[in-house]
Amino acid sequence: MDVNVAAAAACAIAGLGVGLTAAIAFRWSEREQARGSGSGSSKTGPGPAPAQEPALPPGVDTVLSVLRSCAIVLGEGDEVVKASSAAYAMGLVRGGAMAVEQMLSLARATRRDGEIRQVDLELPRPGGAARTAEPLAVSVRVAPLGSRLVLVLVEDLTERRRIEAIRRDFVANVSHELKTPVGALSLLSEAVADASDDPEAVQRFAGRMQVEATRLASLVQEIIDLSRVQDDQLKVDPEPVPVDELIAEAIDRCRQTAAAKQIHIAAGGVGGLYLNGNRGQLAAALGNLVENAVNYSPPRTRVAIATRRISSAAALGEADGELIEISVTDQGIGISEKDRERIFERFYRVDPARSRATGGTGLGLSIVKHVAASHRGTVSVWSVEGQGSTFTLRLPAGQPPVERRRLTNEPEATTPLPAPEARS
């Protein structure tokens, strides 16, 4: 993630804007002084009325309009001469006046001594947001604009700071997760060397090494999968993807684990549905949901997969259209309300000890969330501790291939789903 490059580019653009604005202001100031000296010469007879000076130097308005930063120009009495729409949206300007006292103090100091100032601030979110909401992190740059005006540029750094925090956490978590199996493999290899004369011990340690190697390979693969989908864009041209085939692949992926725990996987609902997107990403997302349901379910229970069509207007409140809803329901341990808010974060685990026992890496649900976002869909969870969980994917409906529709003129198949009782 090129956070540092993006930050450098943003700072360069802001600096260029201030430089251009200052240059224009300097030329305007020289012209103003020249006019002032010329007006002192004696004149006989009435002359044409002097033209009214513009509120802003020529060209400054154009420069401010193309800057990515919020721009505010203050007059001699601290009144707002010019402000971009983003400045109003961020709550920096209210009623024609600067609403942030720290910025107003910086502007007054710059007007007195002509020095350019820059400072980072944290501001409350506009619009009466909750007090617990994350504050806005902004970078403020104040510069004189001619002899009377002051320019205030404000850049919102909130998203950049959030991405930097996620990157730091991701690196720390990856390092920790990789260290565990690598350290175990190192210790087990030493144990095998020390037990070279004990075939049973060698076999036991070799089995443990295979488990740790599998865990390491799974972690690396999920990191690769996450890196492919986290930019929220499809990497290839979308294609029609049969939902029935995605479900079959997901069930086949967990077949051995489910059989070992005597877990029955039931699939039903509306058949013959299609999605439009990246088949590999969609298969990974649904496979992760079914795999989680099996891993976190007690033996001799059931996992149900249901499919249906719904209206996007009813589900998302958007323009009317069709969505495909795929829900995966288990009868497992459930998820507390506190944990439900974080389960889609990378490396977050409800029960770390249980996740290690099942081989979980904490990346599966994060991958599901990114795949849903990249396909213009959503993923949600319903859960009650001790009663189980239902994860629901809602994705825009696709159309089957034209050739197949022409050859098979069959109506949609509908099969009743032997799913658990519906829950609200």
Protein backbone atom coordinates (compact mmCIF):
# COMPACT_ATOMS: atom_id res chain seq x y z
CA MET A 1 0.00 0.00 0.00
CA ASP A 2 1.73 3.21 -1.19
CA VAL A 3 0.59 5.40 1.69
CA ASN A 4 3.89 7.31 1.87
CA VAL A 5 3.88 8.03 -1.87
CA ALA A 6 0.28 9.29 -1.68
CA ALA A 7 1.14 11.50 1.30
CA ALA A 8 4.16 12.99 -0.49
CA ALA A 9 2.09 13.66 -3.61
CA ALA A 10 -0.66 15.36 -1.60
CA CYS A 11 1.87 17.58 0.21
CA ALA A 12 3.52 18.48 -3.11
CA ILE A 13 0.17 19.48 -4.63
CA ALA A 14 -0.71 21.59 -1.56
CA GLY A 15 2.73 23.26 -1.62
CA LEU A 16 2.43 23.99 -5.33
CA GLY A 17 -0.99 25.57 -4.78
CA VAL A 18 0.29 27.81 -1.99
CA GLY A 19 3.32 28.77 -4.11
CA LEU A 20 1.20 29.70 -7.11
CA THR A 21 -1.22 31.63 -4.95
CA ALA A 22 1.60 33.51 -3.20
CA ALA A 23 3.20 34.40 -6.56
CA ILE A 24 -0.06 35.78 -7.88
CA ALA A 25 -0.60 37.67 -4.63
CA PHE A 26 2.90 39.18 -4.83
CA ARG A 27 2.32 40.46 -8.38
CA TRP A 28 -1.05 41.84 -7.35
CA SER A 29 0.52 43.59 -4.35
CA GLU A 30 3.17 45.24 -6.62
CA ARG A 31 0.47 46.41 -9.01
CA GLU A 32 -1.56 47.79 -6.11
CA GLN A 33 1.45 49.75 -4.81
CA ALA A 34 2.18 51.13 -8.30
CA ARG A 35 -1.40 52.33 -8.63
CA GLY A 36 -1.22 53.90 -5.19
CA SER A 37 1.93 55.93 -6.09
CA GLY A 38 0.39 56.99 -9.41
CA SER A 39 -2.74 58.26 -7.73
CA GLY A 40 -0.64 60.80 -5.78
CA SER A 41 0.16 62.86 -8.93
CA SER A 42 -1.83 66.08 -9.35
CA LYS A 43 -4.61 66.11 -11.85
CA THR A 44 -6.64 68.94 -13.27
CA GLY A 45 -10.19 68.37 -14.15
CA PRO A 46 -12.31 65.40 -13.42
CA GLY A 47 -11.11 62.02 -14.60
CA PRO A 48 -12.74 58.62 -14.92
CA ALA A 49 -13.80 57.00 -11.64
CA PRO A 50 -11.22 54.50 -10.40
CA ALA A 51 -12.13 50.87 -10.99
CA GLN A 52 -13.13 48.95 -7.85
CA GLU A 53 -10.46 46.48 -6.78
CA PRO A 54 -11.54 42.83 -6.90
CA ALA A 55 -11.93 40.98 -3.59
CA LEU A 56 -9.34 38.42 -4.71
CA PRO A 57 -6.18 38.88 -6.79
CA PRO A 58 -6.68 37.91 -10.44
CA GLY A 59 -6.25 34.16 -10.97
CA VAL A 60 -6.41 33.20 -7.29
CA ASP A 61 -10.03 32.05 -7.54
CA THR A 62 -9.09 29.70 -10.40
CA VAL A 63 -6.13 28.28 -8.48
CA LEU A 64 -8.21 27.64 -5.36
CA SER A 65 -10.91 25.86 -7.35
CA VAL A 66 -8.48 23.14 -8.52
CA LEU A 67 -6.82 22.47 -5.16
CA ARG A 68 -7.72 19.24 -3.39
CA SER A 69 -7.43 20.94 0.00
CA CYS A 70 -10.21 23.00 1.58
CA ALA A 71 -9.52 26.68 0.88
CA ILE A 72 -10.61 29.70 2.93
CA VAL A 73 -9.65 33.32 2.29
CA LEU A 74 -10.05 35.71 5.24
CA GLY A 75 -10.29 39.49 4.97
CA GLU A 76 -8.89 42.21 7.21
CA GLY A 77 -11.70 41.82 9.73
CA ASP A 78 -11.49 37.99 9.80
CA GLU A 79 -14.53 37.79 7.54
CA VAL A 80 -14.64 34.92 5.03
CA VAL A 81 -14.05 36.40 1.57
CA LYS A 82 -13.95 33.04 -0.22
CA ALA A 83 -14.45 29.44 0.92
CA SER A 84 -14.66 26.17 -0.97
CA SER A 85 -17.68 23.90 -0.60
CA ALA A 86 -15.54 21.36 1.23
CA ALA A 87 -14.80 23.95 3.92
CA TYR A 88 -18.53 24.29 4.60
CA ALA A 89 -19.01 20.49 4.53
CA MET A 90 -16.25 20.00 7.12
CA GLY A 91 -17.82 22.62 9.38
CA LEU A 92 -14.85 25.01 9.11
CA VAL A 93 -17.05 27.93 7.99
CA ARG A 94 -20.43 28.77 9.51
CA GLY A 95 -22.49 31.89 8.88
CA GLY A 96 -19.78 33.56 6.84
CA ALA A 97 -17.17 33.27 9.62
CA MET A 98 -14.33 30.92 10.50
CA ALA A 99 -15.71 28.39 13.00
CA VAL A 100 -12.42 26.96 14.30
CA GLU A 101 -10.71 29.19 16.85
CA GLN A 102 -7.25 27.58 16.41
CA MET A 103 -7.26 28.35 12.69
CA LEU A 104 -8.48 31.89 13.32
CA SER A 105 -5.59 32.47 15.74
CA LEU A 106 -3.10 31.21 13.16
CA ALA A 107 -4.60 33.50 10.50
CA ARG A 108 -4.32 36.55 12.79
CA ALA A 109 -0.69 35.75 13.60
CA THR A 110 0.13 35.38 9.90
CA ARG A 111 -1.58 38.68 9.10
CA ARG A 112 0.59 40.42 11.71
CA ASP A 113 4.02 39.11 10.71
CA GLY A 114 3.52 37.66 7.22
CA GLU A 115 4.96 34.26 8.23
CA ILE A 116 3.65 31.02 6.66
CA ARG A 117 2.46 28.60 9.35
CA GLN A 118 1.57 24.91 9.29
CA VAL A 119 0.10 22.78 12.07
CA ASP A 120 -1.81 19.49 12.49
CA LEU A 121 -5.11 19.59 14.39
CA GLU A 122 -7.87 17.23 15.48
CA LEU A 123 -11.37 18.60 15.00
CA PRO A 124 -14.79 17.25 16.04
CA ARG A 125 -16.85 15.82 13.23
CA PRO A 126 -19.46 18.20 11.76
CA GLY A 127 -23.20 17.70 11.77
CA GLY A 128 -23.59 16.85 15.45
CA ALA A 129 -21.82 13.49 15.16
CA ALA A 130 -21.62 11.35 18.27
CA ARG A 131 -18.97 12.32 20.77
CA THR A 132 -17.47 8.86 20.49
CA ALA A 133 -16.92 9.31 16.72
CA GLU A 134 -13.34 9.50 15.53
CA PRO A 135 -12.24 13.15 15.22
CA LEU A 136 -11.11 14.65 11.94
CA ALA A 137 -7.32 14.80 11.56
CA VAL A 138 -6.38 17.80 9.44
CA SER A 139 -3.23 19.60 8.32
CA VAL A 140 -3.62 23.41 8.31
CA ARG A 141 -1.38 25.71 6.26
CA VAL A 142 -1.79 29.50 6.56
CA ALA A 143 -0.12 32.01 4.22
CA PRO A 144 -0.49 35.75 3.51
CA LEU A 145 -2.36 36.62 0.33
CA GLY A 146 -1.27 40.11 -0.65
CA SER A 147 -1.25 42.86 1.99
CA ARG A 148 -4.77 42.39 3.36
CA LEU A 149 -5.92 38.79 2.87
CA VAL A 150 -4.91 35.50 4.48
CA LEU A 151 -5.20 32.09 2.81
CA VAL A 152 -6.01 29.01 4.91
CA LEU A 153 -5.58 25.57 3.30
CA VAL A 154 -6.93 22.57 5.20
CA GLU A 155 -6.22 18.99 4.15
CA ASP A 156 -8.22 16.10 5.64
CA LEU A 157 -5.78 13.43 6.81
CA THR A 158 -8.32 11.22 8.58
CA GLU A 159 -8.48 8.49 5.96
CA ARG A 160 -4.71 8.51 5.47
CA ARG A 161 -4.15 8.15 9.23
CA ARG A 162 -6.66 5.30 9.36
CA ILE A 163 -4.90 3.48 6.50
CA GLU A 164 -1.53 3.98 8.18
CA ALA A 165 -2.90 2.52 11.43
CA ILE A 166 -4.35 -0.46 9.55
CA ARG A 167 -1.02 -1.00 7.78
CA ARG A 168 0.91 -0.92 11.07
CA ASP A 169 -1.52 -3.36 12.69
CA PHE A 170 -1.43 -5.60 9.63
CA VAL A 171 2.37 -5.78 9.60
CA ALA A 172 2.46 -6.47 13.35
CA ASN A 173 -0.21 -9.16 13.11
CA VAL A 174 1.37 -10.84 10.09
CA SER A 175 4.73 -10.91 11.85
CA HIS A 176 3.16 -12.49 14.92
CA GLU A 177 1.13 -15.02 12.97
CA LEU A 178 4.09 -16.08 10.82
CA LYS A 179 6.35 -16.31 13.87
CA THR A 180 4.15 -18.93 15.55
CA PRO A 181 4.31 -21.74 12.94
CA VAL A 182 7.89 -20.90 11.96
CA GLY A 183 8.99 -21.14 15.60
CA ALA A 184 7.08 -24.40 16.03
CA LEU A 185 8.71 -25.88 12.93
CA SER A 186 12.14 -24.90 14.24
CA LEU A 187 11.55 -26.56 17.62
CA LEU A 188 10.03 -29.67 16.05
CA SER A 189 12.95 -30.06 13.66
CA GLU A 190 15.33 -29.99 16.63
CA ALA A 191 13.17 -32.57 18.39
CA VAL A 192 13.31 -34.84 15.33
CA ALA A 193 17.10 -34.56 15.24
CA ASP A 194 17.36 -35.44 18.95
CA ALA A 195 14.96 -38.38 18.59
CA SER A 196 16.66 -39.93 15.55
CA ASP A 197 16.96 -43.27 17.35
CA ASP A 198 13.24 -43.34 18.30
CA PRO A 199 11.08 -44.04 15.20
CA GLU A 200 7.80 -43.46 17.05
CA ALA A 201 8.91 -40.03 18.30
CA VAL A 202 10.15 -39.10 14.84
CA GLN A 203 6.80 -40.02 13.34
CA ARG A 204 4.91 -38.04 16.01
CA PHE A 205 7.06 -34.94 15.55
CA ALA A 206 6.84 -35.24 11.75
CA GLY A 207 3.04 -35.24 12.02
CA ARG A 208 3.16 -32.07 14.09
CA MET A 209 5.47 -30.49 11.54
CA GLN A 210 2.98 -31.25 8.78
CA VAL A 211 0.22 -29.52 10.81
CA GLU A 212 2.33 -26.40 11.32
CA ALA A 213 3.44 -26.37 7.68
CA THR A 214 -0.20 -26.57 6.57
CA ARG A 215 -1.10 -23.70 8.88
CA LEU A 216 1.77 -21.62 7.50
CA ALA A 217 0.76 -22.35 3.90
CA SER A 218 -2.86 -21.44 4.69
CA LEU A 219 -1.83 -18.15 6.26
CA VAL A 220 0.37 -17.18 3.32
CA GLN A 221 -2.38 -18.09 0.85
CA GLU A 222 -4.98 -16.00 2.70
CA ILE A 223 -2.60 -13.03 2.80
CA ILE A 224 -2.21 -13.37 -0.97
CA ASP A 225 -6.01 -13.63 -1.42
CA LEU A 226 -6.57 -10.55 0.72
CA SER A 227 -3.98 -8.52 -1.21
CA ARG A 228 -5.80 -9.37 -4.45
CA VAL A 229 -9.20 -8.10 -3.33
CA GLN A 230 -8.49 -5.29 -0.86
CA ASP A 231 -8.36 -2.58 -3.55
CA ASP A 232 -12.11 -3.18 -4.07
CA GLN A 233 -11.78 -3.61 -7.82
CA LEU A 234 -12.22 -6.61 -10.07
CA LYS A 235 -8.91 -7.69 -11.56
CA VAL A 236 -10.43 -9.27 -14.66
CA ASP A 237 -13.47 -8.69 -16.81
CA PRO A 238 -16.56 -9.92 -14.91
CA GLU A 239 -18.23 -13.08 -16.15
CA PRO A 240 -21.51 -14.89 -15.41
CA VAL A 241 -20.95 -17.17 -12.41
CA PRO A 242 -23.50 -19.91 -11.54
CA VAL A 243 -24.42 -19.74 -7.84
CA ASP A 244 -25.12 -23.50 -7.76
CA GLU A 245 -21.53 -24.22 -8.79
CA LEU A 246 -20.14 -21.83 -6.15
CA ILE A 247 -22.16 -23.64 -3.47
CA ALA A 248 -20.99 -27.05 -4.70
CA GLU A 249 -17.36 -25.92 -4.56
CA ALA A 250 -17.80 -24.52 -1.05
CA ILE A 251 -19.36 -27.77 0.19
CA ASP A 252 -16.65 -29.86 -1.45
CA ARG A 253 -13.98 -27.70 0.19
CA CYS A 254 -15.29 -28.60 3.67
CA ARG A 255 -16.50 -32.12 2.98
CA GLN A 256 -13.77 -33.98 4.89
CA THR A 257 -13.89 -31.69 7.94
CA ALA A 258 -17.69 -31.90 8.06
CA ALA A 259 -17.63 -35.71 7.74
CA ALA A 260 -15.09 -36.00 10.57
CA LYS A 261 -17.38 -33.97 12.85
CA GLN A 262 -20.58 -35.61 11.51
CA ILE A 263 -21.91 -32.21 10.40
CA HIS A 264 -24.60 -32.29 7.72
CA ILE A 265 -24.43 -29.51 5.10
CA ALA A 266 -27.82 -28.80 3.50
CA ALA A 267 -28.26 -26.53 0.48
CA GLY A 268 -31.51 -25.31 -1.00
CA GLY A 269 -33.59 -22.34 -2.11
CA VAL A 270 -33.86 -20.93 -5.62
CA GLY A 271 -31.71 -22.71 -8.20
CA GLY A 272 -30.33 -21.53 -11.51
CA LEU A 273 -29.19 -18.13 -10.20
CA TYR A 274 -26.20 -16.23 -11.59
CA LEU A 275 -23.83 -13.59 -10.28
CA ASN A 276 -21.70 -11.32 -12.43
CA GLY A 277 -18.10 -11.03 -11.26
CA ASN A 278 -14.79 -12.71 -10.56
CA ARG A 279 -15.39 -16.42 -10.11
CA GLY A 280 -12.26 -17.02 -8.04
CA GLN A 281 -13.04 -14.23 -5.58
CA LEU A 282 -16.68 -15.25 -5.22
CA ALA A 283 -15.70 -18.89 -4.64
CA ALA A 284 -13.18 -17.82 -1.98
CA ALA A 285 -15.77 -15.67 -0.18
CA LEU A 286 -18.50 -18.30 -0.05
CA GLY A 287 -15.97 -21.03 0.75
CA ASN A 288 -14.71 -19.02 3.74
CA LEU A 289 -18.25 -18.60 5.08
CA VAL A 290 -19.06 -22.32 4.82
CA GLU A 291 -15.66 -23.32 6.21
CA ASN A 292 -16.13 -21.01 9.21
CA ALA A 293 -19.59 -22.45 9.83
CA VAL A 294 -18.21 -26.00 9.88
CA ASN A 295 -15.13 -25.16 11.97
CA TYR A 296 -17.11 -23.35 14.67
CA SER A 297 -19.99 -25.82 14.89
CA PRO A 298 -20.10 -28.66 17.41
CA PRO A 299 -20.24 -32.26 16.15
CA ARG A 300 -23.51 -33.77 14.89
CA THR A 301 -25.10 -30.43 13.95
CA ARG A 302 -26.17 -28.91 10.63
CA VAL A 303 -25.01 -26.10 8.35
CA ALA A 304 -27.61 -24.70 5.92
CA ILE A 305 -26.95 -22.72 2.73
CA ALA A 306 -29.94 -20.86 1.29
CA THR A 307 -30.30 -18.78 -1.90
CA ARG A 308 -33.05 -16.43 -3.08
CA ARG A 309 -33.75 -13.32 -5.13
CA ILE A 310 -34.61 -10.06 -3.39
CA SER A 311 -35.21 -6.45 -4.41
CA SER A 312 -32.27 -4.09 -3.94
CA ALA A 313 -34.73 -1.32 -3.10
CA ALA A 314 -35.95 -3.29 -0.08
CA ALA A 315 -32.49 -4.46 0.99
CA LEU A 316 -30.29 -1.43 0.35
CA GLY A 317 -32.74 1.42 -0.16
CA GLU A 318 -31.33 2.06 -3.63
CA ALA A 319 -32.80 2.08 -7.12
CA ASP A 320 -34.92 -0.96 -7.74
CA GLY A 321 -33.02 -3.98 -9.00
CA GLU A 322 -32.40 -7.61 -8.17
CA LEU A 323 -29.97 -9.02 -5.65
CA ILE A 324 -28.92 -12.59 -4.98
CA GLU A 325 -28.94 -13.38 -1.28
CA ILE A 326 -26.81 -16.30 -0.07
CA SER A 327 -27.07 -17.11 3.63
CA VAL A 328 -24.95 -19.60 5.59
CA THR A 329 -26.49 -20.69 8.91
CA ASP A 330 -24.82 -22.81 11.57
CA GLN A 331 -25.76 -24.14 15.02
CA GLY A 332 -22.44 -23.22 16.56
CA ILE A 333 -21.18 -21.21 19.51
CA GLY A 334 -22.54 -17.88 18.29
CA ILE A 335 -20.95 -14.45 18.48
CA SER A 336 -21.42 -11.82 21.19
CA GLU A 337 -22.68 -8.35 20.31
CA LYS A 338 -19.29 -6.85 21.23
CA ASP A 339 -17.44 -9.20 18.87
CA ARG A 340 -19.93 -8.81 16.00
CA GLU A 341 -18.73 -5.24 15.48
CA ARG A 342 -15.16 -6.41 14.80
CA ILE A 343 -15.30 -9.86 13.22
CA PHE A 344 -14.65 -8.50 9.72
CA GLU A 345 -11.37 -6.90 10.82
CA ARG A 346 -8.14 -8.55 9.72
CA PHE A 347 -6.76 -11.10 12.19
CA TYR A 348 -9.59 -10.51 14.67
CA ARG A 349 -10.72 -13.71 16.39
CA VAL A 350 -13.65 -14.18 18.75
CA ASP A 351 -11.82 -16.98 20.56
CA PRO A 352 -8.08 -17.01 19.72
CA ALA A 353 -7.48 -20.36 21.44
CA ARG A 354 -10.32 -22.03 19.51
CA SER A 355 -9.18 -20.40 16.26
CA ARG A 356 -5.71 -21.86 16.65
CA ALA A 357 -7.21 -25.26 17.35
CA THR A 358 -9.28 -25.09 14.14
CA GLY A 359 -6.43 -23.59 12.10
CA GLY A 360 -8.12 -20.21 11.68
CA THR A 361 -6.00 -17.23 10.65
CA GLY A 362 -8.46 -14.39 11.26
CA LEU A 363 -8.38 -13.30 7.59
CA GLY A 364 -11.30 -15.27 6.16
CA LEU A 365 -14.09 -12.83 7.00
CA SER A 366 -11.96 -9.85 5.98
CA ILE A 367 -11.61 -11.45 2.55
CA VAL A 368 -15.40 -11.96 2.41
CA LYS A 369 -15.99 -8.28 3.20
CA HIS A 370 -13.59 -7.07 0.49
CA VAL A 371 -15.03 -9.43 -2.13
CA ALA A 372 -18.56 -8.22 -1.33
CA ALA A 373 -17.46 -4.57 -1.59
CA SER A 374 -15.63 -5.13 -4.89
CA HIS A 375 -18.79 -6.70 -6.35
CA ARG A 376 -21.00 -3.81 -5.12
CA GLY A 377 -22.58 -6.01 -2.48
CA THR A 378 -22.71 -6.39 1.30
CA VAL A 379 -22.12 -9.01 3.97
CA SER A 380 -23.91 -9.03 7.32
CA VAL A 381 -24.16 -11.30 10.35
CA TRP A 382 -26.92 -12.33 12.75
CA SER A 383 -25.90 -14.26 15.82
CA VAL A 384 -26.89 -15.21 19.35
CA GLU A 385 -24.42 -16.80 21.74
CA GLY A 386 -25.13 -20.50 22.12
CA GLN A 387 -27.69 -20.58 19.29
CA GLY A 388 -25.59 -20.14 16.16
CA SER A 389 -24.91 -17.57 13.47
CA THR A 390 -26.15 -16.60 10.01
CA PHE A 391 -23.85 -14.82 7.56
CA THR A 392 -25.63 -13.27 4.58
CA LEU A 393 -24.07 -12.20 1.28
CA ARG A 394 -26.12 -9.87 -0.92
CA LEU A 395 -24.74 -9.34 -4.42
CA PRO A 396 -26.21 -7.86 -7.63
CA ALA A 397 -27.88 -10.49 -9.77
CA GLY A 398 -26.24 -11.49 -13.03
CA GLN A 399 -27.55 -12.98 -16.26
CA PRO A 400 -26.75 -16.46 -17.55
CA PRO A 401 -24.68 -16.73 -20.74
CA VAL A 402 -26.69 -15.88 -23.85
CA GLU A 403 -25.88 -19.19 -25.55
CA ARG A 404 -27.13 -21.19 -22.59
CA ARG A 405 -30.39 -19.21 -22.33
CA ARG A 406 -31.13 -19.87 -25.99
CA LEU A 407 -30.44 -23.60 -25.78
CA THR A 408 -32.23 -24.27 -22.50
CA ASN A 409 -35.59 -22.62 -22.18
CA GLU A 410 -36.30 -24.05 -18.74
CA PRO A 411 -37.91 -22.08 -15.90
CA GLU A 412 -36.03 -21.41 -12.67
CA ALA A 413 -35.89 -24.44 -10.39
CA THR A 414 -37.06 -23.94 -6.86
CA THR A 415 -36.23 -26.38 -4.08
CA PRO A 416 -37.47 -26.05 -0.52
CA LEU A 417 -34.64 -25.39 1.93
CA PRO A 418 -34.53 -27.57 5.03
CA ALA A 419 -33.02 -24.62 6.89
CA PRO A 420 -33.43 -23.76 10.56
CA GLU A 421 -36.34 -21.65 11.66
CA ALA A 422 -36.16 -18.08 10.34
CA ARG A 423 -34.81 -15.55 12.80
CA SER A 424 -35.22 -11.80 12.86
